[in-house]
N, C-alpha and C. Protein backbone atom coordinates (compact mmCIF):
# COMPACT_ATOMS: atom_id res chain seq x y z
N UNK A 1 -39.03 -44.89 7.93
CA UNK A 1 -39.43 -44.78 9.32
C UNK A 1 -39.79 -43.31 9.60
N UNK A 2 -40.96 -43.07 10.20
CA UNK A 2 -41.35 -41.70 10.51
C UNK A 2 -40.80 -41.26 11.87
N UNK A 3 -41.01 -40.01 12.22
CA UNK A 3 -40.45 -39.45 13.46
C UNK A 3 -40.97 -40.17 14.70
N UNK A 4 -42.25 -40.54 14.71
CA UNK A 4 -42.83 -41.25 15.85
C UNK A 4 -42.14 -42.59 16.05
N UNK A 5 -41.92 -43.33 14.96
CA UNK A 5 -41.25 -44.63 15.05
C UNK A 5 -39.81 -44.48 15.51
N UNK A 6 -39.13 -43.45 15.02
CA UNK A 6 -37.74 -43.19 15.42
C UNK A 6 -37.66 -42.88 16.91
N UNK A 7 -38.58 -42.04 17.39
CA UNK A 7 -38.59 -41.69 18.81
C UNK A 7 -38.89 -42.91 19.68
N UNK A 8 -39.84 -43.73 19.26
CA UNK A 8 -40.16 -44.94 20.03
C UNK A 8 -38.98 -45.91 20.06
N UNK A 9 -38.29 -46.05 18.94
CA UNK A 9 -37.11 -46.93 18.89
C UNK A 9 -36.03 -46.42 19.82
N UNK A 10 -35.82 -45.09 19.84
CA UNK A 10 -34.83 -44.50 20.73
C UNK A 10 -35.20 -44.74 22.20
N UNK A 11 -36.46 -44.47 22.56
CA UNK A 11 -36.89 -44.68 23.95
C UNK A 11 -36.78 -46.14 24.34
N UNK A 12 -37.13 -47.04 23.45
CA UNK A 12 -37.02 -48.47 23.75
C UNK A 12 -35.56 -48.85 24.00
N UNK A 13 -34.66 -48.35 23.18
CA UNK A 13 -33.24 -48.66 23.32
C UNK A 13 -32.63 -48.06 24.59
N UNK A 14 -33.08 -46.87 24.98
CA UNK A 14 -32.46 -46.19 26.12
C UNK A 14 -33.15 -46.45 27.44
N UNK A 15 -34.45 -46.76 27.42
CA UNK A 15 -35.18 -46.93 28.68
C UNK A 15 -35.81 -48.31 28.84
N UNK A 16 -35.90 -49.07 27.75
CA UNK A 16 -36.56 -50.37 27.81
C UNK A 16 -38.06 -50.28 27.63
N UNK A 17 -38.57 -49.09 27.39
CA UNK A 17 -40.01 -48.87 27.21
C UNK A 17 -40.21 -47.89 26.06
N UNK A 18 -41.04 -48.25 25.10
CA UNK A 18 -41.26 -47.39 23.93
C UNK A 18 -42.37 -46.38 24.13
N UNK A 19 -43.28 -46.66 25.05
CA UNK A 19 -44.42 -45.76 25.26
C UNK A 19 -44.49 -45.35 26.73
N UNK A 20 -43.59 -44.49 27.12
CA UNK A 20 -43.52 -44.02 28.50
C UNK A 20 -44.68 -43.09 28.83
N UNK A 21 -45.06 -43.06 30.10
CA UNK A 21 -46.00 -42.06 30.58
C UNK A 21 -45.16 -40.89 31.10
N UNK A 22 -45.54 -39.67 30.77
CA UNK A 22 -44.75 -38.48 31.09
C UNK A 22 -45.46 -37.61 32.12
N UNK A 23 -44.66 -36.81 32.84
CA UNK A 23 -45.17 -35.84 33.80
C UNK A 23 -44.31 -34.60 33.74
N UNK A 24 -44.85 -33.47 34.21
CA UNK A 24 -44.04 -32.26 34.31
C UNK A 24 -43.14 -32.38 35.53
N UNK A 25 -42.00 -31.72 35.47
CA UNK A 25 -41.03 -31.83 36.56
C UNK A 25 -40.17 -30.57 36.64
N UNK A 26 -39.62 -30.35 37.82
CA UNK A 26 -38.68 -29.25 38.03
C UNK A 26 -37.30 -29.70 37.54
N UNK A 27 -36.95 -29.31 36.34
CA UNK A 27 -35.65 -29.68 35.76
C UNK A 27 -34.66 -28.52 35.82
N UNK A 28 -35.12 -27.36 36.29
CA UNK A 28 -34.26 -26.19 36.46
C UNK A 28 -34.49 -25.64 37.86
N UNK A 29 -33.43 -25.35 38.59
CA UNK A 29 -33.54 -24.80 39.94
C UNK A 29 -34.12 -23.39 39.90
N UNK A 30 -34.91 -23.07 40.90
CA UNK A 30 -35.38 -21.70 41.07
C UNK A 30 -36.63 -21.34 40.29
N UNK A 31 -37.30 -22.29 39.68
CA UNK A 31 -38.53 -21.96 38.96
C UNK A 31 -39.73 -22.16 39.88
N UNK A 32 -40.78 -21.37 39.67
CA UNK A 32 -41.99 -21.49 40.48
C UNK A 32 -42.86 -22.67 40.07
N UNK A 33 -42.78 -23.04 38.81
CA UNK A 33 -43.55 -24.15 38.28
C UNK A 33 -42.61 -25.09 37.53
N UNK A 34 -43.00 -26.36 37.36
CA UNK A 34 -42.15 -27.28 36.61
C UNK A 34 -42.03 -26.86 35.15
N UNK A 35 -40.81 -26.80 34.66
CA UNK A 35 -40.56 -26.36 33.29
C UNK A 35 -39.97 -27.47 32.42
N UNK A 36 -40.00 -28.69 32.91
CA UNK A 36 -39.47 -29.82 32.15
C UNK A 36 -40.41 -31.00 32.22
N UNK A 37 -40.04 -32.06 31.49
CA UNK A 37 -40.80 -33.30 31.52
C UNK A 37 -39.87 -34.47 31.78
N UNK A 38 -40.38 -35.47 32.46
CA UNK A 38 -39.66 -36.72 32.71
C UNK A 38 -40.68 -37.86 32.69
N UNK A 39 -40.22 -39.08 32.43
CA UNK A 39 -41.15 -40.21 32.53
C UNK A 39 -41.64 -40.36 33.97
N UNK A 40 -42.85 -40.85 34.13
CA UNK A 40 -43.43 -41.08 35.45
C UNK A 40 -42.57 -42.11 36.18
N UNK A 41 -42.30 -41.83 37.45
CA UNK A 41 -41.47 -42.70 38.29
C UNK A 41 -42.31 -43.84 38.85
N UNK A 42 -41.81 -45.05 38.74
CA UNK A 42 -42.53 -46.23 39.23
C UNK A 42 -42.26 -46.52 40.71
N UNK A 43 -41.34 -45.78 41.33
CA UNK A 43 -41.02 -46.01 42.74
C UNK A 43 -42.25 -45.70 43.59
N UNK A 44 -42.68 -46.65 44.41
CA UNK A 44 -43.90 -46.47 45.21
C UNK A 44 -43.77 -45.36 46.25
N UNK A 45 -42.55 -44.96 46.60
CA UNK A 45 -42.35 -43.89 47.57
C UNK A 45 -42.37 -42.50 46.91
N UNK A 46 -42.42 -42.46 45.59
CA UNK A 46 -42.44 -41.18 44.88
C UNK A 46 -43.89 -40.79 44.61
N UNK A 47 -44.34 -39.74 45.27
CA UNK A 47 -45.71 -39.26 45.09
C UNK A 47 -45.93 -38.79 43.66
N UNK A 48 -47.02 -39.20 43.01
CA UNK A 48 -47.27 -38.82 41.62
C UNK A 48 -47.33 -37.31 41.38
N UNK A 49 -47.78 -36.56 42.38
CA UNK A 49 -47.90 -35.11 42.21
C UNK A 49 -46.62 -34.35 42.56
N UNK A 50 -45.58 -35.05 43.00
CA UNK A 50 -44.31 -34.43 43.34
C UNK A 50 -43.55 -34.16 42.04
N UNK A 51 -43.31 -32.90 41.73
CA UNK A 51 -42.63 -32.52 40.50
C UNK A 51 -41.12 -32.61 40.55
N UNK A 52 -40.59 -33.08 41.67
CA UNK A 52 -39.14 -33.20 41.81
C UNK A 52 -38.61 -34.37 41.00
N UNK A 53 -37.33 -34.31 40.67
CA UNK A 53 -36.66 -35.40 39.95
C UNK A 53 -35.63 -36.00 40.91
N UNK A 54 -35.77 -37.27 41.20
CA UNK A 54 -34.88 -37.98 42.12
C UNK A 54 -34.08 -39.03 41.37
N UNK A 55 -33.14 -39.65 42.05
CA UNK A 55 -32.32 -40.68 41.42
C UNK A 55 -33.14 -41.90 41.01
N UNK A 56 -34.32 -42.09 41.60
CA UNK A 56 -35.19 -43.21 41.24
C UNK A 56 -35.94 -42.96 39.93
N UNK A 57 -35.97 -41.72 39.47
CA UNK A 57 -36.75 -41.36 38.29
C UNK A 57 -36.03 -41.79 37.01
N UNK A 58 -36.79 -42.34 36.08
CA UNK A 58 -36.18 -42.75 34.81
C UNK A 58 -35.76 -41.55 33.96
N UNK A 59 -34.81 -41.77 33.10
CA UNK A 59 -34.37 -40.77 32.13
C UNK A 59 -35.23 -40.90 30.89
N UNK A 60 -35.29 -39.95 30.02
CA UNK A 60 -34.59 -38.69 30.06
C UNK A 60 -35.40 -37.60 30.75
N UNK A 61 -34.71 -36.62 31.30
CA UNK A 61 -35.33 -35.40 31.81
C UNK A 61 -35.10 -34.34 30.75
N UNK A 62 -36.17 -33.71 30.30
CA UNK A 62 -36.09 -32.77 29.20
C UNK A 62 -36.57 -31.39 29.65
N UNK A 63 -35.70 -30.40 29.59
CA UNK A 63 -36.06 -29.03 29.94
C UNK A 63 -36.80 -28.41 28.75
N UNK A 64 -37.96 -27.82 29.02
CA UNK A 64 -38.80 -27.26 27.96
C UNK A 64 -38.81 -25.73 27.95
N UNK A 65 -38.30 -25.09 29.00
CA UNK A 65 -38.21 -23.64 29.02
C UNK A 65 -39.38 -22.92 29.64
N UNK A 66 -40.54 -23.56 29.72
CA UNK A 66 -41.69 -22.92 30.36
C UNK A 66 -42.67 -23.99 30.82
N UNK A 67 -43.46 -23.62 31.83
CA UNK A 67 -44.45 -24.56 32.34
C UNK A 67 -45.53 -24.88 31.30
N UNK A 68 -46.08 -23.89 30.59
CA UNK A 68 -47.11 -24.23 29.60
C UNK A 68 -46.61 -25.19 28.52
N UNK A 69 -45.38 -25.00 28.06
CA UNK A 69 -44.82 -25.90 27.04
C UNK A 69 -44.63 -27.29 27.62
N UNK A 70 -44.11 -27.38 28.85
CA UNK A 70 -43.90 -28.68 29.49
C UNK A 70 -45.23 -29.41 29.68
N UNK A 71 -46.25 -28.70 30.16
CA UNK A 71 -47.56 -29.32 30.37
C UNK A 71 -48.15 -29.79 29.05
N UNK A 72 -48.00 -28.99 28.01
CA UNK A 72 -48.51 -29.36 26.69
C UNK A 72 -47.80 -30.60 26.16
N UNK A 73 -46.46 -30.63 26.25
CA UNK A 73 -45.71 -31.78 25.74
C UNK A 73 -46.02 -33.05 26.51
N UNK A 74 -46.15 -32.95 27.84
CA UNK A 74 -46.50 -34.14 28.62
C UNK A 74 -47.87 -34.67 28.20
N UNK A 75 -48.84 -33.78 28.03
CA UNK A 75 -50.17 -34.20 27.60
C UNK A 75 -50.13 -34.79 26.20
N UNK A 76 -49.39 -34.16 25.31
CA UNK A 76 -49.27 -34.64 23.93
C UNK A 76 -48.63 -36.02 23.89
N UNK A 77 -47.55 -36.20 24.62
CA UNK A 77 -46.85 -37.49 24.64
C UNK A 77 -47.72 -38.58 25.26
N UNK A 78 -48.44 -38.24 26.31
CA UNK A 78 -49.31 -39.23 26.96
C UNK A 78 -50.47 -39.62 26.05
N UNK A 79 -51.01 -38.66 25.30
CA UNK A 79 -52.06 -38.96 24.34
C UNK A 79 -51.53 -39.85 23.23
N UNK A 80 -50.29 -39.60 22.83
CA UNK A 80 -49.66 -40.34 21.74
C UNK A 80 -49.30 -41.78 22.13
N UNK A 81 -49.29 -42.08 23.42
CA UNK A 81 -48.91 -43.42 23.86
C UNK A 81 -49.76 -44.50 23.21
N UNK A 82 -51.04 -44.20 22.96
CA UNK A 82 -51.93 -45.19 22.38
C UNK A 82 -51.97 -45.18 20.86
N UNK A 83 -51.29 -44.23 20.24
CA UNK A 83 -51.32 -44.13 18.78
C UNK A 83 -50.47 -45.24 18.16
N UNK A 84 -50.89 -45.68 17.02
CA UNK A 84 -50.14 -46.74 16.32
C UNK A 84 -48.92 -46.21 15.63
């Protein structure tokens, strides 16, 4: 099993979805830009452009340390959603 398969199996076991859509999010207080990533929230009251993390948001929330890294990882993961 390769790393991609292992990660998908983990996400399926923990969230019920193997190919989540990701977004950048404020996972650390006091930052000017979102420095983490979380799966996109399906709650209709949660605005897609809102970088906040609420109790309605699915796990996991992952702190990346910087906005450029978080934006890159979210884009990479979303691109990978369609990969076999």
